[in-house]
C-alpha atoms as a PDB file:
ATOM      1  CA  MET A   1      16.606  -0.872  -6.790  1.00  0.00           C
ATOM      2  CA  THR A   2      13.190  -2.041  -7.787  1.00  0.00           C
ATOM      3  CA  ILE A   3      10.472  -2.511  -5.090  1.00  0.00           C
ATOM      4  CA  ALA A   4      11.158  -6.227  -5.057  1.00  0.00           C
ATOM      5  CA  GLU A   5      14.915  -5.683  -4.152  1.00  0.00           C
ATOM      6  CA  ALA A   6      14.232  -3.182  -1.811  1.00  0.00           C
ATOM      7  CA  LEU A   7      11.722  -5.426   0.156  1.00  0.00           C
ATOM      8  CA  ARG A   8      14.060  -8.240   0.071  1.00  0.00           C
ATOM      9  CA  GLN A   9      17.030  -6.172   1.237  1.00  0.00           C
ATOM     10  CA  GLY A  10      14.903  -4.999   4.017  1.00  0.00           C
ATOM     11  CA  LEU A  11      13.830  -8.423   5.111  1.00  0.00           C
ATOM     12  CA  ARG A  12      17.306  -9.365   5.022  1.00  0.00           C
ATOM     13  CA  GLU A  13      18.489  -6.639   7.084  1.00  0.00           C
ATOM     14  CA  GLU A  14      15.536  -7.125   9.763  1.00  0.00           C
ATOM     15  CA  MET A  15      16.410 -10.742  10.209  1.00  0.00           C
ATOM     16  CA  VAL A  16      20.395 -10.176  10.756  1.00  0.00           C
ATOM     17  CA  ARG A  17      19.331  -7.267  13.121  1.00  0.00           C
ATOM     18  CA  ASP A  18      16.840  -9.568  15.121  1.00  0.00           C
ATOM     19  CA  GLU A  19      16.457 -13.031  15.373  1.00  0.00           C
ATOM     20  CA  ARG A  20      12.768 -12.978  16.115  1.00  0.00           C
ATOM     21  CA  VAL A  21      12.209 -12.008  12.763  1.00  0.00           C
ATOM     22  CA  PHE A  22      10.866 -14.884  10.290  1.00  0.00           C
ATOM     23  CA  CYS A  23       8.859 -14.961   6.963  1.00  0.00           C
ATOM     24  CA  ILE A  24       5.912 -17.260   6.264  1.00  0.00           C
ATOM     25  CA  GLY A  25       3.917 -18.102   3.430  1.00  0.00           C
ATOM     26  CA  GLU A  26       3.202 -20.026   0.374  1.00  0.00           C
ATOM     27  CA  ASP A  27       6.280 -20.927  -1.940  1.00  0.00           C
ATOM     28  CA  ILE A  28       8.339 -18.016  -0.466  1.00  0.00           C
ATOM     29  CA  GLY A  29      11.573 -20.551  -0.027  1.00  0.00           C
ATOM     30  CA  VAL A  30      11.360 -23.401  -2.371  1.00  0.00           C
ATOM     31  CA  ARG A  31      14.704 -24.212  -3.988  1.00  0.00           C
ATOM     32  CA  GLY A  32      14.696 -22.827  -7.686  1.00  0.00           C
ATOM     33  CA  GLY A  33      11.580 -20.942  -7.161  1.00  0.00           C
ATOM     34  CA  TRP A  34      10.201 -17.517  -7.757  1.00  0.00           C
ATOM     35  CA  GLY A  35      10.377 -16.354  -3.982  1.00  0.00           C
ATOM     36  CA  GLY A  36       6.958 -15.721  -3.363  1.00  0.00           C
ATOM     37  CA  ALA A  37       4.713 -14.956  -6.389  1.00  0.00           C
ATOM     38  CA  PHE A  38       6.942 -11.584  -7.026  1.00  0.00           C
ATOM     39  CA  THR A  39      10.626 -12.625  -6.538  1.00  0.00           C
ATOM     40  CA  VAL A  40      10.288 -10.659  -2.827  1.00  0.00           C
ATOM     41  CA  THR A  41      11.933 -13.534  -0.939  1.00  0.00           C
ATOM     42  CA  LEU A  42      14.232 -14.887  -3.691  1.00  0.00           C
ATOM     43  CA  GLY A  43      17.486 -16.533  -2.031  1.00  0.00           C
ATOM     44  CA  LEU A  44      16.393 -15.540   1.283  1.00  0.00           C
ATOM     45  CA  GLU A  45      16.035 -19.461   2.335  1.00  0.00           C
ATOM     46  CA  LYS A  46      19.900 -19.794   1.440  1.00  0.00           C
ATOM     47  CA  ASP A  47      21.064 -17.856   4.438  1.00  0.00           C
ATOM     48  CA  PHE A  48      17.765 -18.128   6.807  1.00  0.00           C
ATOM     49  CA  ARG A  49      17.018 -21.817   6.297  1.00  0.00           C
ATOM     50  CA  GLU A  50      14.969 -22.111   9.503  1.00  0.00           C
ATOM     51  CA  ARG A  51      13.341 -18.771   9.284  1.00  0.00           C
ATOM     52  CA  ILE A  52      11.678 -18.651   5.570  1.00  0.00           C
ATOM     53  CA  ILE A  53       8.833 -21.163   6.412  1.00  0.00           C
ATOM     54  CA  ASP A  54       6.921 -22.528   3.258  1.00  0.00           C
ATOM     55  CA  THR A  55       3.249 -23.518   4.383  1.00  0.00           C
ATOM     56  CA  PRO A  56       0.613 -25.514   2.875  1.00  0.00           C
ATOM     57  CA  ILE A  57      -2.321 -23.528   0.754  1.00  0.00           C
ATOM     58  CA  SER A  58      -4.263 -22.627   3.729  1.00  0.00           C
ATOM     59  CA  GLU A  59      -4.060 -19.140   4.429  1.00  0.00           C
ATOM     60  CA  GLY A  60      -6.351 -19.399   7.908  1.00  0.00           C
ATOM     61  CA  GLY A  61      -3.896 -21.851   8.917  1.00  0.00           C
ATOM     62  CA  PHE A  62      -0.564 -19.727   8.605  1.00  0.00           C
ATOM     63  CA  PHE A  63      -1.979 -16.489   9.448  1.00  0.00           C
ATOM     64  CA  GLY A  64      -3.149 -18.424  12.861  1.00  0.00           C
ATOM     65  CA  LEU A  65       0.072 -19.680  13.426  1.00  0.00           C
ATOM     66  CA  ALA A  66       1.916 -15.982  12.771  1.00  0.00           C
ATOM     67  CA  LEU A  67      -0.564 -14.671  15.114  1.00  0.00           C
ATOM     68  CA  GLY A  68       0.440 -17.111  17.644  1.00  0.00           C
ATOM     69  CA  ALA A  69       4.170 -16.695  17.031  1.00  0.00           C
ATOM     70  CA  ALA A  70       3.639 -13.029  17.456  1.00  0.00           C
ATOM     71  CA  ILE A  71       1.724 -12.985  20.842  1.00  0.00           C
ATOM     72  CA  MET A  72       4.487 -15.305  21.993  1.00  0.00           C
ATOM     73  CA  GLY A  73       7.148 -12.772  21.351  1.00  0.00           C
ATOM     74  CA  LEU A  74       8.426 -13.412  17.835  1.00  0.00           C
ATOM     75  CA  ARG A  75       7.938 -10.972  14.543  1.00  0.00           C
ATOM     76  CA  PRO A  76       6.376 -12.867  11.879  1.00  0.00           C
ATOM     77  CA  VAL A  77       6.022 -11.389   8.205  1.00  0.00           C
ATOM     78  CA  ALA A  78       3.032 -13.122   6.892  1.00  0.00           C
ATOM     79  CA  ASP A  79       2.999 -13.224   2.846  1.00  0.00           C
ATOM     80  CA  VAL A  80       0.004 -14.045   0.620  1.00  0.00           C
ATOM     81  CA  GLN A  81       0.455 -14.581  -2.950  1.00  0.00           C
ATOM     82  CA  TYR A  82      -2.077 -12.214  -4.064  1.00  0.00           C
ATOM     83  CA  GLY A  83      -4.247  -9.347  -1.352  1.00  0.00           C
ATOM     84  CA  ASP A  84      -7.544 -10.997  -2.831  1.00  0.00           C
ATOM     85  CA  PHE A  85      -6.428 -14.419  -0.587  1.00  0.00           C
ATOM     86  CA  LEU A  86      -6.141 -12.399   2.469  1.00  0.00           C
ATOM     87  CA  PHE A  87     -10.194 -13.290   2.295  1.00  0.00           C
ATOM     88  CA  TYR A  88      -9.400 -16.892   3.145  1.00  0.00           C
ATOM     89  CA  ALA A  89      -7.571 -15.678   6.462  1.00  0.00           C
ATOM     90  CA  MET A  90     -10.454 -13.077   7.609  1.00  0.00           C
ATOM     91  CA  ASP A  91     -11.378 -14.257  10.851  1.00  0.00           C
ATOM     92  CA  GLN A  92      -8.004 -14.566  11.772  1.00  0.00           C
ATOM     93  CA  VAL A  93      -6.855 -11.174  10.567  1.00  0.00           C
ATOM     94  CA  VAL A  94     -10.267  -8.954  11.684  1.00  0.00           C
ATOM     95  CA  ASN A  95     -11.228 -10.800  14.592  1.00  0.00           C
ATOM     96  CA  GLN A  96      -8.195 -12.055  16.262  1.00  0.00           C
ATOM     97  CA  ILE A  97      -5.316 -10.042  15.002  1.00  0.00           C
ATOM     98  CA  ALA A  98      -6.483  -6.498  15.027  1.00  0.00           C
ATOM     99  CA  LYS A  99      -8.553  -7.106  18.255  1.00  0.00           C
ATOM    100  CA  MET A 100      -6.216  -9.399  20.626  1.00  0.00           C
ATOM    101  CA  HIS A 101      -4.150  -6.180  21.922  1.00  0.00           C
ATOM    102  CA  TYR A 102      -7.632  -4.066  22.607  1.00  0.00           C
ATOM    103  CA  MET A 103      -9.513  -7.387  24.000  1.00  0.00           C
ATOM    104  CA  SER A 104      -6.652  -8.077  26.670  1.00  0.00           C
ATOM    105  CA  GLY A 105      -6.394  -4.676  27.911  1.00  0.00           C
ATOM    106  CA  GLY A 106      -3.239  -4.004  26.247  1.00  0.00           C
ATOM    107  CA  LYS A 107      -1.631  -7.033  27.774  1.00  0.00           C
ATOM    108  CA  VAL A 108      -0.883  -8.604  24.423  1.00  0.00           C
ATOM    109  CA  CYS A 109       0.811  -7.418  21.432  1.00  0.00           C
ATOM    110  CA  VAL A 110       0.702  -8.602  18.226  1.00  0.00           C
ATOM    111  CA  PRO A 111       3.507  -7.451  16.262  1.00  0.00           C
ATOM    112  CA  LEU A 112       2.511  -8.986  12.920  1.00  0.00           C
ATOM    113  CA  VAL A 113       3.481  -7.809   9.453  1.00  0.00           C
ATOM    114  CA  MET A 114       1.208  -9.162   6.562  1.00  0.00           C
ATOM    115  CA  ARG A 115       2.287  -8.313   3.130  1.00  0.00           C
ATOM    116  CA  ALA A 116      -0.333  -8.189   0.190  1.00  0.00           C
ATOM    117  CA  PRO A 117       0.240  -7.847  -3.367  1.00  0.00           C
ATOM    118  CA  VAL A 118      -2.599  -5.571  -4.982  1.00  0.00           C
ATOM    119  CA  GLY A 119      -3.866  -4.220  -8.142  1.00  0.00           C
ATOM    120  CA  ALA A 120      -5.669  -5.189 -11.732  1.00  0.00           C
ATOM    121  CA  THR A 121      -2.704  -6.680 -13.586  1.00  0.00           C
ATOM    122  CA  GLY A 122      -4.446  -8.519 -16.517  1.00  0.00           C
ATOM    123  CA  ARG A 123      -5.456 -11.455 -13.908  1.00  0.00           C
ATOM    124  CA  GLY A 124      -8.935 -10.773 -13.357  1.00  0.00           C
ATOM    125  CA  ALA A 125     -11.943 -10.422 -10.680  1.00  0.00           C
ATOM    126  CA  GLN A 126     -10.139 -12.657  -8.018  1.00  0.00           C
ATOM    127  CA  HIS A 127      -6.558 -11.569  -8.489  1.00  0.00           C
ATOM    128  CA  GLY A 128      -6.770  -7.745  -9.285  1.00  0.00           C
ATOM    129  CA  GLN A 129      -8.642  -6.088  -6.669  1.00  0.00           C
ATOM    130  CA  ASN A 130      -7.533  -3.134  -4.229  1.00  0.00           C
ATOM    131  CA  LEU A 131      -8.150  -3.855  -0.642  1.00  0.00           C
ATOM    132  CA  GLU A 132      -7.026  -0.692   1.454  1.00  0.00           C
ATOM    133  CA  ALA A 133     -10.559   0.116   1.640  1.00  0.00           C
ATOM    134  CA  ILE A 134     -11.855  -3.201   3.378  1.00  0.00           C
ATOM    135  CA  PHE A 135      -9.236  -2.914   5.975  1.00  0.00           C
ATOM    136  CA  PHE A 136      -9.628   0.647   6.510  1.00  0.00           C
ATOM    137  CA  SER A 137     -12.488   0.289   8.568  1.00  0.00           C
ATOM    138  CA  VAL A 138     -10.978  -2.562  10.682  1.00  0.00           C
ATOM    139  CA  PRO A 139      -9.621  -0.575  14.120  1.00  0.00           C
ATOM    140  CA  GLY A 140      -6.759  -2.170  15.155  1.00  0.00           C
ATOM    141  CA  ILE A 141      -4.487  -2.464  12.097  1.00  0.00           C
ATOM    142  CA  LYS A 142      -2.167  -0.546  10.579  1.00  0.00           C
ATOM    143  CA  ILE A 143      -2.157   0.114   6.779  1.00  0.00           C
ATOM    144  CA  ALA A 144       1.017   1.216   4.747  1.00  0.00           C
ATOM    145  CA  CYS A 145       1.032   1.792   0.736  1.00  0.00           C
ATOM    146  CA  PRO A 146       4.480   2.539  -0.557  1.00  0.00           C
ATOM    147  CA  ALA A 147       4.850   3.826  -3.989  1.00  0.00           C
ATOM    148  CA  THR A 148       8.651   3.738  -4.054  1.00  0.00           C
ATOM    149  CA  ALA A 149      11.468   1.363  -3.470  1.00  0.00           C
ATOM    150  CA  TYR A 150      12.920   3.952  -1.175  1.00  0.00           C
ATOM    151  CA  ASP A 151       9.618   3.820   0.679  1.00  0.00           C
ATOM    152  CA  ALA A 152       8.913   0.259   0.533  1.00  0.00           C
ATOM    153  CA  LYS A 153      11.872  -0.780   2.422  1.00  0.00           C
ATOM    154  CA  GLY A 154      11.502   2.006   5.150  1.00  0.00           C
ATOM    155  CA  LEU A 155       8.078   1.273   5.480  1.00  0.00           C
ATOM    156  CA  LEU A 156       8.447  -2.415   5.769  1.00  0.00           C
ATOM    157  CA  LYS A 157      11.278  -2.150   8.627  1.00  0.00           C
ATOM    158  CA  ALA A 158       9.286   0.035  10.388  1.00  0.00           C
ATOM    159  CA  ALA A 159       6.241  -2.294  10.388  1.00  0.00           C
ATOM    160  CA  ILE A 160       8.732  -4.997  11.555  1.00  0.00           C
ATOM    161  CA  ARG A 161       9.576  -2.863  14.427  1.00  0.00           C
ATOM    162  CA  ASP A 162       6.120  -2.149  15.327  1.00  0.00           C
ATOM    163  CA  ASP A 163       4.264  -3.763  18.117  1.00  0.00           C
ATOM    164  CA  ASN A 164       1.130  -3.388  16.081  1.00  0.00           C
ATOM    165  CA  PRO A 165      -0.225  -5.581  13.423  1.00  0.00           C
ATOM    166  CA  VAL A 166       0.441  -3.665  10.158  1.00  0.00           C
ATOM    167  CA  LEU A 167      -1.083  -4.933   6.265  1.00  0.00           C
ATOM    168  CA  LEU A 168       1.645  -3.528   3.857  1.00  0.00           C
ATOM    169  CA  PHE A 169      -0.061  -3.018   0.504  1.00  0.00           C
ATOM    170  CA  GLU A 170       2.301  -3.618  -2.588  1.00  0.00           C
ATOM    171  CA  HIS A 171       0.980  -2.800  -5.835  1.00  0.00           C
ATOM    172  CA  LYS A 172       1.827  -5.742  -8.871  1.00  0.00           C
ATOM    173  CA  LEU A 173       2.930  -3.064 -11.543  1.00  0.00           C
ATOM    174  CA  LEU A 174       5.303  -1.293  -9.219  1.00  0.00           C
ATOM    175  CA  TYR A 175       7.657  -4.317  -7.889  1.00  0.00           C
ATOM    176  CA  GLY A 176       9.885  -4.393 -10.978  1.00  0.00           C
ATOM    177  CA  ALA A 177      10.620  -7.683 -10.962  1.00  0.00           C
ATOM    178  CA  LYS A 178      12.160  -9.461 -13.971  1.00  0.00           C
ATOM    179  CA  GLY A 179      12.241 -12.353 -16.217  1.00  0.00           C
ATOM    180  CA  ALA A 180       9.359 -14.583 -15.435  1.00  0.00           C
ATOM    181  CA  ARG A 181       7.465 -12.234 -13.154  1.00  0.00           C
ATOM    182  CA  ALA A 182       7.820  -9.049 -15.327  1.00  0.00           C
ATOM    183  CA  GLU A 183       4.166  -7.576 -15.437  1.00  0.00           C
ATOM    184  CA  SER A 184       3.110  -5.953 -18.480  1.00  0.00           C
ATOM    185  CA  GLY A 185       2.598  -2.298 -17.956  1.00  0.00           C
ATOM    186  CA  ALA A 186       4.686  -2.093 -15.109  1.00  0.00           C
ATOM    187  CA  VAL A 187       5.826   1.466 -13.781  1.00  0.00           C
ATOM    188  CA  ASP A 188       9.611   1.965 -12.874  1.00  0.00           C
ATOM    189  CA  ALA A 189       9.630   2.908  -9.064  1.00  0.00           C
ATOM    190  CA  SER A 190      12.796   2.416  -8.559  1.00  0.00           C
ATOM    191  CA  SER A 191      14.893   4.155  -6.065  1.00  0.00           C
ATOM    192  CA  ASP A 192      18.376   5.071  -4.748  1.00  0.00           C
ATOM    193  CA  ILE A 193      18.602   2.856  -1.093  1.00  0.00           C
ATOM    194  CA  PRO A 194      21.170   4.465   1.127  1.00  0.00           C
ATOM    195  CA  ASN A 195      23.922   1.951   2.710  1.00  0.00           C
ATOM    196  CA  GLU A 196      22.694   2.840   6.355  1.00  0.00           C
ATOM    197  CA  ASP A 197      19.897   1.855   7.763  1.00  0.00           C
ATOM    198  CA  TYR A 198      16.785   4.170   7.328  1.00  0.00           C
ATOM    199  CA  VAL A 199      12.788   3.784   8.478  1.00  0.00           C
ATOM    200  CA  ILE A 200       9.907   5.803   7.433  1.00  0.00           C
ATOM    201  CA  PRO A 201       7.849   6.185  10.477  1.00  0.00           C
ATOM    202  CA  LEU A 202       3.994   4.986   9.574  1.00  0.00           C
ATOM    203  CA  GLY A 203       1.944   7.840   9.441  1.00  0.00           C
ATOM    204  CA  LYS A 204       4.468  10.218   7.867  1.00  0.00           C
ATOM    205  CA  GLY A 205       3.418  11.184   4.151  1.00  0.00           C
ATOM    206  CA  ILE A 206       5.474  13.111   1.578  1.00  0.00           C
ATOM    207  CA  VAL A 207       4.872  15.928  -1.162  1.00  0.00           C
ATOM    208  CA  ARG A 208       6.122  14.377  -4.055  1.00  0.00           C
ATOM    209  CA  ARG A 209       5.591  17.489  -6.255  1.00  0.00           C
ATOM    210  CA  GLU A 210       4.661  21.038  -4.618  1.00  0.00           C
ATOM    211  CA  GLY A 211       2.242  23.149  -6.252  1.00  0.00           C
ATOM    212  CA  ASN A 212      -0.495  25.866  -5.443  1.00  0.00           C
ATOM    213  CA  ASP A 213      -3.528  25.433  -7.350  1.00  0.00           C
ATOM    214  CA  VAL A 214      -4.927  22.052  -6.552  1.00  0.00           C
ATOM    215  CA  THR A 215      -3.867  19.082  -3.891  1.00  0.00           C
ATOM    216  CA  ILE A 216      -3.740  15.570  -5.263  1.00  0.00           C
ATOM    217  CA  ILE A 217      -3.840  12.865  -2.758  1.00  0.00           C
ATOM    218  CA  ALA A 218      -2.868   9.649  -4.087  1.00  0.00           C
ATOM    219  CA  THR A 219      -1.157   6.090  -3.303  1.00  0.00           C
ATOM    220  CA  LEU A 220       0.504   3.014  -4.989  1.00  0.00           C
ATOM    221  CA  LEU A 221       0.449   3.226  -8.915  1.00  0.00           C
ATOM    222  CA  MET A 222      -2.339   6.111  -8.593  1.00  0.00           C
ATOM    223  CA  MET A 223       0.383   8.269  -6.651  1.00  0.00           C
ATOM    224  CA  HIS A 224       2.605   7.922 -10.255  1.00  0.00           C
ATOM    225  CA  ARG A 225      -0.581   8.723 -11.972  1.00  0.00           C
ATOM    226  CA  ALA A 226      -1.237  11.647 -10.416  1.00  0.00           C
ATOM    227  CA  LEU A 227       2.636  12.765 -10.961  1.00  0.00           C
ATOM    228  CA  GLN A 228       1.785  12.079 -14.688  1.00  0.00           C
ATOM    229  CA  ALA A 229      -1.176  14.694 -14.527  1.00  0.00           C
ATOM    230  CA  ALA A 230       0.397  17.099 -12.564  1.00  0.00           C
ATOM    231  CA  GLU A 231       3.191  17.467 -15.087  1.00  0.00           C
ATOM    232  CA  ARG A 232       0.527  17.992 -17.914  1.00  0.00           C
ATOM    233  CA  LEU A 233      -1.529  20.407 -15.919  1.00  0.00           C
ATOM    234  CA  ALA A 234       2.078  22.261 -15.461  1.00  0.00           C
ATOM    235  CA  GLN A 235       1.607  22.646 -19.550  1.00  0.00           C
ATOM    236  CA  GLU A 236      -1.454  24.099 -19.150  1.00  0.00           C
ATOM    237  CA  GLY A 237      -0.294  26.892 -16.211  1.00  0.00           C
ATOM    238  CA  ILE A 238      -2.015  24.719 -13.433  1.00  0.00           C
ATOM    239  CA  SER A 239       0.452  24.054 -10.423  1.00  0.00           C
ATOM    240  CA  ALA A 240      -0.751  20.890  -8.678  1.00  0.00           C
ATOM    241  CA  GLU A 241       0.582  19.505  -5.597  1.00  0.00           C
ATOM    242  CA  VAL A 242       0.618  15.736  -5.005  1.00  0.00           C
ATOM    243  CA  ILE A 243       0.767  14.297  -1.877  1.00  0.00           C
ATOM    244  CA  ASP A 244       1.644  10.599  -1.321  1.00  0.00           C
ATOM    245  CA  PRO A 245       0.127   9.459   2.399  1.00  0.00           C
ATOM    246  CA  ARG A 246       2.369   6.576   2.290  1.00  0.00           C
ATOM    247  CA  SER A 247       0.415   5.201   5.371  1.00  0.00           C
ATOM    248  CA  LEU A 248      -3.861   5.573   5.307  1.00  0.00           C
ATOM    249  CA  VAL A 249      -3.885   3.939   8.901  1.00  0.00           C
ATOM    250  CA  PRO A 250      -2.293   6.225  10.876  1.00  0.00           C
ATOM    251  CA  PHE A 251      -2.883   9.363   8.356  1.00  0.00           C
ATOM    252  CA  ASP A 252      -0.897  12.127   8.057  1.00  0.00           C
ATOM    253  CA  TRP A 253      -3.519  14.690   8.572  1.00  0.00           C
ATOM    254  CA  ASP A 254      -1.019  17.731   9.290  1.00  0.00           C
ATOM    255  CA  LEU A 255       0.468  17.144   5.504  1.00  0.00           C
ATOM    256  CA  VAL A 256      -2.498  16.915   4.112  1.00  0.00           C
ATOM    257  CA  ASN A 257      -4.701  19.749   5.848  1.00  0.00           C
ATOM    258  CA  ALA A 258      -1.533  21.990   5.186  1.00  0.00           C
ATOM    259  CA  SER A 259      -1.808  21.207   1.629  1.00  0.00           C
ATOM    260  CA  VAL A 260      -5.001  21.633   0.923  1.00  0.00           C
ATOM    261  CA  MET A 261      -5.407  25.095   2.944  1.00  0.00           C
ATOM    262  CA  LYS A 262      -2.751  26.634   0.537  1.00  0.00           C
ATOM    263  CA  THR A 263      -4.275  25.158  -2.578  1.00  0.00           C
ATOM    264  CA  THR A 264      -7.863  25.234  -1.385  1.00  0.00           C
ATOM    265  CA  ARG A 265      -8.781  22.460  -3.788  1.00  0.00           C
ATOM    266  CA  ALA A 266      -8.405  18.822  -3.645  1.00  0.00           C
ATOM    267  CA  VAL A 267      -8.944  15.962  -5.738  1.00  0.00           C
ATOM    268  CA  ILE A 268      -8.341  12.342  -4.313  1.00  0.00           C
ATOM    269  CA  VAL A 269      -7.303   9.001  -6.202  1.00  0.00           C
ATOM    270  CA  GLU A 270      -7.678   5.558  -5.459  1.00  0.00           C
ATOM    271  CA  GLU A 271      -7.667   2.358  -7.624  1.00  0.00           C
ATOM    272  CA  GLY A 272     -10.150   0.484  -5.614  1.00  0.00           C
ATOM    273  CA  PRO A 273     -14.073   0.621  -6.629  1.00  0.00           C
ATOM    274  CA  ARG A 274     -15.621   4.337  -5.508  1.00  0.00           C
ATOM    275  CA  GLN A 275     -18.315   3.280  -3.027  1.00  0.00           C
ATOM    276  CA  GLY A 276     -17.004   3.078   0.373  1.00  0.00           C
ATOM    277  CA  GLY A 277     -13.557   3.856  -0.466  1.00  0.00           C
ATOM    278  CA  TRP A 278     -10.816   5.065   1.696  1.00  0.00           C
ATOM    279  CA  GLY A 279     -10.910   8.497  -0.191  1.00  0.00           C
ATOM    280  CA  ALA A 280     -14.803   8.872   1.043  1.00  0.00           C
ATOM    281  CA  GLU A 281     -13.263   9.163   4.403  1.00  0.00           C
ATOM    282  CA  ILE A 282     -10.692  11.531   3.373  1.00  0.00           C
ATOM    283  CA  ALA A 283     -13.150  13.623   1.615  1.00  0.00           C
ATOM    284  CA  ALA A 284     -15.748  13.694   4.234  1.00  0.00           C
ATOM    285  CA  THR A 285     -13.061  14.407   6.913  1.00  0.00           C
ATOM    286  CA  LEU A 286     -11.499  17.264   4.786  1.00  0.00           C
ATOM    287  CA  ALA A 287     -15.220  18.909   3.890  1.00  0.00           C
ATOM    288  CA  ASP A 288     -15.707  18.553   8.162  1.00  0.00           C
ATOM    289  CA  ASN A 289     -12.694  20.376   9.005  1.00  0.00           C
ATOM    290  CA  LEU A 290     -11.525  22.846   6.072  1.00  0.00           C
ATOM    291  CA  SER A 291     -14.916  23.987   4.858  1.00  0.00           C
ATOM    292  CA  ASP A 292     -14.179  27.468   5.517  1.00  0.00           C
ATOM    293  CA  CYS A 293     -10.760  26.900   3.230  1.00  0.00           C
ATOM    294  CA  LEU A 294     -12.058  24.693   0.503  1.00  0.00           C
ATOM    295  CA  THR A 295     -13.352  27.131  -2.728  1.00  0.00           C
ATOM    296  CA  ALA A 296     -14.854  23.964  -4.801  1.00  0.00           C
ATOM    297  CA  PRO A 297     -15.923  20.471  -3.227  1.00  0.00           C
ATOM    298  CA  VAL A 298     -13.819  17.831  -2.861  1.00  0.00           C
ATOM    299  CA  LYS A 299     -13.234  15.544  -6.052  1.00  0.00           C
ATOM    300  CA  ARG A 300     -13.228  11.979  -5.950  1.00  0.00           C
ATOM    301  CA  LEU A 301     -11.815   9.264  -8.603  1.00  0.00           C
ATOM    302  CA  ALA A 302     -11.772   5.973  -8.380  1.00  0.00           C
ATOM    303  CA  SER A 303     -12.484   2.794 -10.302  1.00  0.00           C
ATOM    304  CA  PRO A 304     -16.389   1.595 -11.012  1.00  0.00           C
ATOM    305  CA  ASP A 305     -18.398  -0.086  -8.626  1.00  0.00           C
ATOM    306  CA  THR A 306     -17.897  -3.316 -10.595  1.00  0.00           C
ATOM    307  CA  PRO A 307     -15.628  -6.625 -10.274  1.00  0.00           C
ATOM    308  CA  VAL A 308     -12.087  -5.902 -11.765  1.00  0.00           C
ATOM    309  CA  PRO A 309     -12.624  -7.021 -15.662  1.00  0.00           C
ATOM    310  CA  PHE A 310     -10.292  -9.217 -17.341  1.00  0.00           C
ATOM    311  CA  SER A 311     -10.142  -7.772 -20.518  1.00  0.00           C
ATOM    312  CA  PRO A 312      -6.538  -5.639 -20.819  1.00  0.00           C
ATOM    313  CA  PRO A 313      -8.352  -2.743 -22.818  1.00  0.00           C
ATOM    314  CA  MET A 314     -11.432  -2.760 -20.132  1.00  0.00           C
ATOM    315  CA  GLU A 315      -8.912  -3.208 -17.349  1.00  0.00           C
ATOM    316  CA  ASN A 316      -7.244  -0.010 -18.879  1.00  0.00           C
ATOM    317  CA  PHE A 317     -10.818   1.600 -18.836  1.00  0.00           C
ATOM    318  CA  TYR A 318     -11.568   0.381 -15.502  1.00  0.00           C
ATOM    319  CA  ARG A 319      -8.784   2.165 -13.304  1.00  0.00           C
ATOM    320  CA  PRO A 320      -8.079   5.982 -13.280  1.00  0.00           C
ATOM    321  CA  ASP A 321      -5.486   7.166 -15.516  1.00  0.00           C
ATOM    322  CA  ALA A 322      -3.654  10.692 -16.153  1.00  0.00           C
ATOM    323  CA  GLU A 323      -6.097  12.014 -18.245  1.00  0.00           C
ATOM    324  CA  ARG A 324      -9.057  11.441 -15.727  1.00  0.00           C
ATOM    325  CA  ILE A 325      -6.893  13.305 -12.807  1.00  0.00           C
ATOM    326  CA  VAL A 326      -6.212  16.310 -15.545  1.00  0.00           C
ATOM    327  CA  ARG A 327      -9.686  16.351 -16.358  1.00  0.00           C
ATOM    328  CA  ALA A 328     -10.817  16.666 -12.540  1.00  0.00           C
ATOM    329  CA  ALA A 329      -7.981  18.855 -11.828  1.00  0.00           C
ATOM    330  CA  GLN A 330      -9.529  21.109 -14.418  1.00  0.00           C
ATOM    331  CA  ALA A 331     -13.231  20.782 -13.603  1.00  0.00           C
ATOM    332  CA  LEU A 332     -12.183  22.002  -9.915  1.00  0.00           C
ATOM    333  CA  ILE A 333     -10.515  24.952 -11.227  1.00  0.00           C
ATOM    334  CA  GLY A 334     -12.795  25.886 -13.562  1.00  0.00           C
ATOM    335  CA  SER A 335     -15.699  25.557 -10.827  1.00  0.00           C
ATOM    336  CA  SER A 336     -13.881  27.995  -8.344  1.00  0.00           C
END
């Protein structure tokens, strides 16, 4: 399955399993439509007519509705067409959804999933941002970043069953949607999906490729770029271990620390701007906790501190690629 197909199957299974689960968003159930912006909810309205809820173009409004429904015991999955549109709902997300459990002394739970497509895909500065770092600094929200179809389904199901709000960031170049929603430059993130029910616990990362010389930590599209870089590094005799955290909050420190203690070097790759990126926090924590193990400073790769460009050549120049990851790893090896 592709990521879009795996997410659709995960939603279907959870809606069958638990009648409290419903989806809400713009154009997610229009007859003859695409099933949301990227086909994830395509066809679900046929079987769940009352639980695929189309809304007016008002993110603040339907996120508030989803919050109220979650507080009252339902399990909403709120869909924004582009992650950038979360800014229209920032008061609901940051001041209400993230804080309600804390402010109620633990008496109120908010089992709410927020699905948000991210990533530069030829749509310019207002439709191509990576927003992980912005919400990474907001206590009270869990953040998942699936890079494969298997992980997308497992993380979505875990998020729906969680009693806390979860932001599920999905990269547009990884959906694998076909036809009218096919993306130029898309990466194959498809997976074999087992028939039996499964979840991937939030906070549990995975080693995508084992290695001994340098650890590369990356999520979403950058994880695939990291694997490409690791393959090229292997041809030069450099053994790179690729870690996919799968979720940023909670973060699998045990897995990352074990890898860095083994390789003694780390490269962190993210698509968002470098300034204030989530990679900065990971790098700082590694420097604090593993200074005796590191044989070189932690290296960060990210996009420039500018808006996402619209021009396709500039967009490709803007975000990190395999070549830059290779050069960063080579520099660490050479400086040790």
